[in-house]
Amino acid sequence: MLSTAGQPLAALTNHETDSPFNRQLWHRRKQKEFLSAALGGPLPWTGKDMRKAHDGMGLTEVHFNAIAENLVNTLKDLKIPQELIDQVVAVALTTKDDVLGRPKKRAEGLSWRR
């Protein structure tokens, strides 16, 4: 499990991450599963889709950014090259609208005319 200063990645202490899902122990396992599946690792994703999993939690940009910052800091602490950190962040950002319950964006360049 990714960790920093002996603390698991999901053991976030930043007050900005004090949201409902951080108070649930099972979330640590789900974060690890998600990152593994999203980054091509050995653990499959067995959870709900991101939108359903976070629906009704009242999460904001502050929550998402605090968790992303914690992830980046953990990867830096582990001496992961910046190029790989950028790739991990790019994957995490693909979930932002779903996690925050924002409307889905239409793919650019597509026309739905009949």
C-alpha atoms as a PDB file:
ATOM      1  CA  MET A   1       0.000   0.000   0.000  1.00  0.00           C
ATOM      2  CA  LEU A   2       1.284   3.471  -0.820  1.00  0.00           C
ATOM      3  CA  SER A   3       2.182   5.322   2.320  1.00  0.00           C
ATOM      4  CA  THR A   4       3.867   8.432   3.558  1.00  0.00           C
ATOM      5  CA  ALA A   5       5.561   8.799   6.918  1.00  0.00           C
ATOM      6  CA  GLY A   6       4.176   5.419   7.934  1.00  0.00           C
ATOM      7  CA  GLN A   7       0.573   6.431   7.215  1.00  0.00           C
ATOM      8  CA  PRO A   8      -1.479   4.673   4.528  1.00  0.00           C
ATOM      9  CA  LEU A   9      -2.341   6.818   1.536  1.00  0.00           C
ATOM     10  CA  ALA A  10      -6.001   6.921   2.517  1.00  0.00           C
ATOM     11  CA  ALA A  11      -5.252   7.925   6.117  1.00  0.00           C
ATOM     12  CA  LEU A  12      -5.648  11.575   5.271  1.00  0.00           C
ATOM     13  CA  THR A  13      -5.204  14.033   8.111  1.00  0.00           C
ATOM     14  CA  ASN A  14      -5.836  17.265   6.242  1.00  0.00           C
ATOM     15  CA  HIS A  15      -8.997  18.896   7.653  1.00  0.00           C
ATOM     16  CA  GLU A  16     -10.136  19.572   4.081  1.00  0.00           C
ATOM     17  CA  THR A  17     -10.510  15.833   3.537  1.00  0.00           C
ATOM     18  CA  ASP A  18     -12.773  15.315   6.533  1.00  0.00           C
ATOM     19  CA  SER A  19     -15.642  14.136   4.395  1.00  0.00           C
ATOM     20  CA  PRO A  20     -18.021  11.236   4.905  1.00  0.00           C
ATOM     21  CA  PHE A  21     -16.022   8.732   2.894  1.00  0.00           C
ATOM     22  CA  ASN A  22     -12.775   9.355   4.787  1.00  0.00           C
ATOM     23  CA  ARG A  23     -14.405   8.246   8.014  1.00  0.00           C
ATOM     24  CA  GLN A  24     -15.123   4.804   6.610  1.00  0.00           C
ATOM     25  CA  LEU A  25     -12.396   2.185   6.889  1.00  0.00           C
ATOM     26  CA  TRP A  26     -13.485   0.347   3.769  1.00  0.00           C
ATOM     27  CA  HIS A  27     -12.574   3.362   1.673  1.00  0.00           C
ATOM     28  CA  ARG A  28      -8.864   2.601   2.060  1.00  0.00           C
ATOM     29  CA  ARG A  29      -9.349  -0.703   0.264  1.00  0.00           C
ATOM     30  CA  LYS A  30     -11.466   0.902  -2.447  1.00  0.00           C
ATOM     31  CA  GLN A  31      -8.866   3.613  -3.102  1.00  0.00           C
ATOM     32  CA  LYS A  32      -6.191   0.974  -3.485  1.00  0.00           C
ATOM     33  CA  GLU A  33      -8.405  -1.104  -5.792  1.00  0.00           C
ATOM     34  CA  PHE A  34      -9.316   1.914  -7.904  1.00  0.00           C
ATOM     35  CA  LEU A  35      -5.736   3.081  -8.351  1.00  0.00           C
ATOM     36  CA  SER A  36      -4.594  -0.434  -9.174  1.00  0.00           C
ATOM     37  CA  ALA A  37      -7.310  -0.971 -11.788  1.00  0.00           C
ATOM     38  CA  ALA A  38      -7.019   2.529 -13.270  1.00  0.00           C
ATOM     39  CA  LEU A  39      -3.254   2.254 -13.618  1.00  0.00           C
ATOM     40  CA  GLY A  40      -3.191  -1.281 -15.009  1.00  0.00           C
ATOM     41  CA  GLY A  41      -2.238  -3.014 -11.756  1.00  0.00           C
ATOM     42  CA  PRO A  42      -3.230  -6.458 -10.531  1.00  0.00           C
ATOM     43  CA  LEU A  43      -6.270  -5.513  -8.432  1.00  0.00           C
ATOM     44  CA  PRO A  44      -9.583  -5.352 -10.300  1.00  0.00           C
ATOM     45  CA  TRP A  45     -12.116  -2.619  -9.563  1.00  0.00           C
ATOM     46  CA  THR A  46     -15.049  -4.214  -7.762  1.00  0.00           C
ATOM     47  CA  GLY A  47     -16.803  -1.058  -6.625  1.00  0.00           C
ATOM     48  CA  LYS A  48     -19.600   1.072  -8.013  1.00  0.00           C
ATOM     49  CA  ASP A  49     -18.934   3.549 -10.781  1.00  0.00           C
ATOM     50  CA  MET A  50     -17.474   6.802  -9.476  1.00  0.00           C
ATOM     51  CA  ARG A  51     -20.693   8.801  -9.849  1.00  0.00           C
ATOM     52  CA  LYS A  52     -22.817   6.290  -7.901  1.00  0.00           C
ATOM     53  CA  ALA A  53     -20.134   5.685  -5.286  1.00  0.00           C
ATOM     54  CA  HIS A  54     -19.893   9.382  -4.383  1.00  0.00           C
ATOM     55  CA  ASP A  55     -23.520  10.444  -4.903  1.00  0.00           C
ATOM     56  CA  GLY A  56     -24.992  12.350  -1.987  1.00  0.00           C
ATOM     57  CA  MET A  57     -21.699  12.828  -0.150  1.00  0.00           C
ATOM     58  CA  GLY A  58     -21.615  16.569  -0.705  1.00  0.00           C
ATOM     59  CA  LEU A  59     -18.066  16.524  -1.983  1.00  0.00           C
ATOM     60  CA  THR A  60     -16.580  19.724  -3.334  1.00  0.00           C
ATOM     61  CA  GLU A  61     -13.595  20.844  -5.353  1.00  0.00           C
ATOM     62  CA  VAL A  62     -11.788  21.374  -2.025  1.00  0.00           C
ATOM     63  CA  HIS A  63     -12.221  17.691  -1.098  1.00  0.00           C
ATOM     64  CA  PHE A  64     -11.116  16.442  -4.516  1.00  0.00           C
ATOM     65  CA  ASN A  65      -8.090  18.743  -4.642  1.00  0.00           C
ATOM     66  CA  ALA A  66      -6.995  17.832  -1.108  1.00  0.00           C
ATOM     67  CA  ILE A  67      -7.053  14.126  -1.950  1.00  0.00           C
ATOM     68  CA  ALA A  68      -5.235  14.728  -5.250  1.00  0.00           C
ATOM     69  CA  GLU A  69      -2.608  16.771  -3.409  1.00  0.00           C
ATOM     70  CA  ASN A  70      -2.167  14.005  -0.849  1.00  0.00           C
ATOM     71  CA  LEU A  71      -1.728  11.486  -3.667  1.00  0.00           C
ATOM     72  CA  VAL A  72       0.899  13.645  -5.400  1.00  0.00           C
ATOM     73  CA  ASN A  73       2.780  14.235  -2.139  1.00  0.00           C
ATOM     74  CA  THR A  74       2.775  10.508  -1.389  1.00  0.00           C
ATOM     75  CA  LEU A  75       4.153   9.698  -4.832  1.00  0.00           C
ATOM     76  CA  LYS A  76       6.846  12.378  -4.413  1.00  0.00           C
ATOM     77  CA  ASP A  77       7.761  10.965  -1.000  1.00  0.00           C
ATOM     78  CA  LEU A  78       8.183   7.585  -2.694  1.00  0.00           C
ATOM     79  CA  LYS A  79      10.535   9.219  -5.246  1.00  0.00           C
ATOM     80  CA  ILE A  80       8.253   8.408  -8.176  1.00  0.00           C
ATOM     81  CA  PRO A  81       9.442  10.260 -11.314  1.00  0.00           C
ATOM     82  CA  GLN A  82       7.410  13.379 -12.173  1.00  0.00           C
ATOM     83  CA  GLU A  83       6.465  11.922 -15.565  1.00  0.00           C
ATOM     84  CA  LEU A  84       4.704   9.012 -13.834  1.00  0.00           C
ATOM     85  CA  ILE A  85       3.114  11.312 -11.261  1.00  0.00           C
ATOM     86  CA  ASP A  86       1.684  13.349 -14.137  1.00  0.00           C
ATOM     87  CA  GLN A  87       0.206  10.169 -15.629  1.00  0.00           C
ATOM     88  CA  VAL A  88      -1.386   9.186 -12.299  1.00  0.00           C
ATOM     89  CA  VAL A  89      -2.854  12.677 -11.896  1.00  0.00           C
ATOM     90  CA  ALA A  90      -4.237  12.554 -15.440  1.00  0.00           C
ATOM     91  CA  VAL A  91      -6.051   9.306 -14.605  1.00  0.00           C
ATOM     92  CA  ALA A  92      -7.387  10.721 -11.323  1.00  0.00           C
ATOM     93  CA  LEU A  93      -8.652  13.842 -13.093  1.00  0.00           C
ATOM     94  CA  THR A  94     -10.798  11.724 -15.411  1.00  0.00           C
ATOM     95  CA  THR A  95     -12.983  10.929 -12.389  1.00  0.00           C
ATOM     96  CA  LYS A  96     -13.421  14.487 -11.117  1.00  0.00           C
ATOM     97  CA  ASP A  97     -16.795  15.307 -12.683  1.00  0.00           C
ATOM     98  CA  ASP A  98     -18.267  11.973 -11.599  1.00  0.00           C
ATOM     99  CA  VAL A  99     -16.899  12.207  -8.049  1.00  0.00           C
ATOM    100  CA  LEU A 100     -18.242  15.748  -7.678  1.00  0.00           C
ATOM    101  CA  GLY A 101     -21.579  14.926  -9.330  1.00  0.00           C
ATOM    102  CA  ARG A 102     -21.128  17.405 -12.156  1.00  0.00           C
ATOM    103  CA  PRO A 103     -23.015  17.008 -15.425  1.00  0.00           C
ATOM    104  CA  LYS A 104     -21.262  14.835 -17.985  1.00  0.00           C
ATOM    105  CA  LYS A 105     -19.505  16.753 -20.740  1.00  0.00           C
ATOM    106  CA  ARG A 106     -20.212  16.023 -24.386  1.00  0.00           C
ATOM    107  CA  ALA A 107     -17.261  14.821 -26.381  1.00  0.00           C
ATOM    108  CA  GLU A 108     -15.839  17.662 -28.434  1.00  0.00           C
ATOM    109  CA  GLY A 109     -16.145  17.474 -32.171  1.00  0.00           C
ATOM    110  CA  LEU A 110     -19.108  15.129 -32.179  1.00  0.00           C
ATOM    111  CA  SER A 111     -22.358  16.147 -33.783  1.00  0.00           C
ATOM    112  CA  TRP A 112     -25.605  14.399 -32.921  1.00  0.00           C
ATOM    113  CA  ARG A 113     -27.611  15.591 -35.923  1.00  0.00           C
ATOM    114  CA  ARG A 114     -30.060  13.338 -37.696  1.00  0.00           C
END
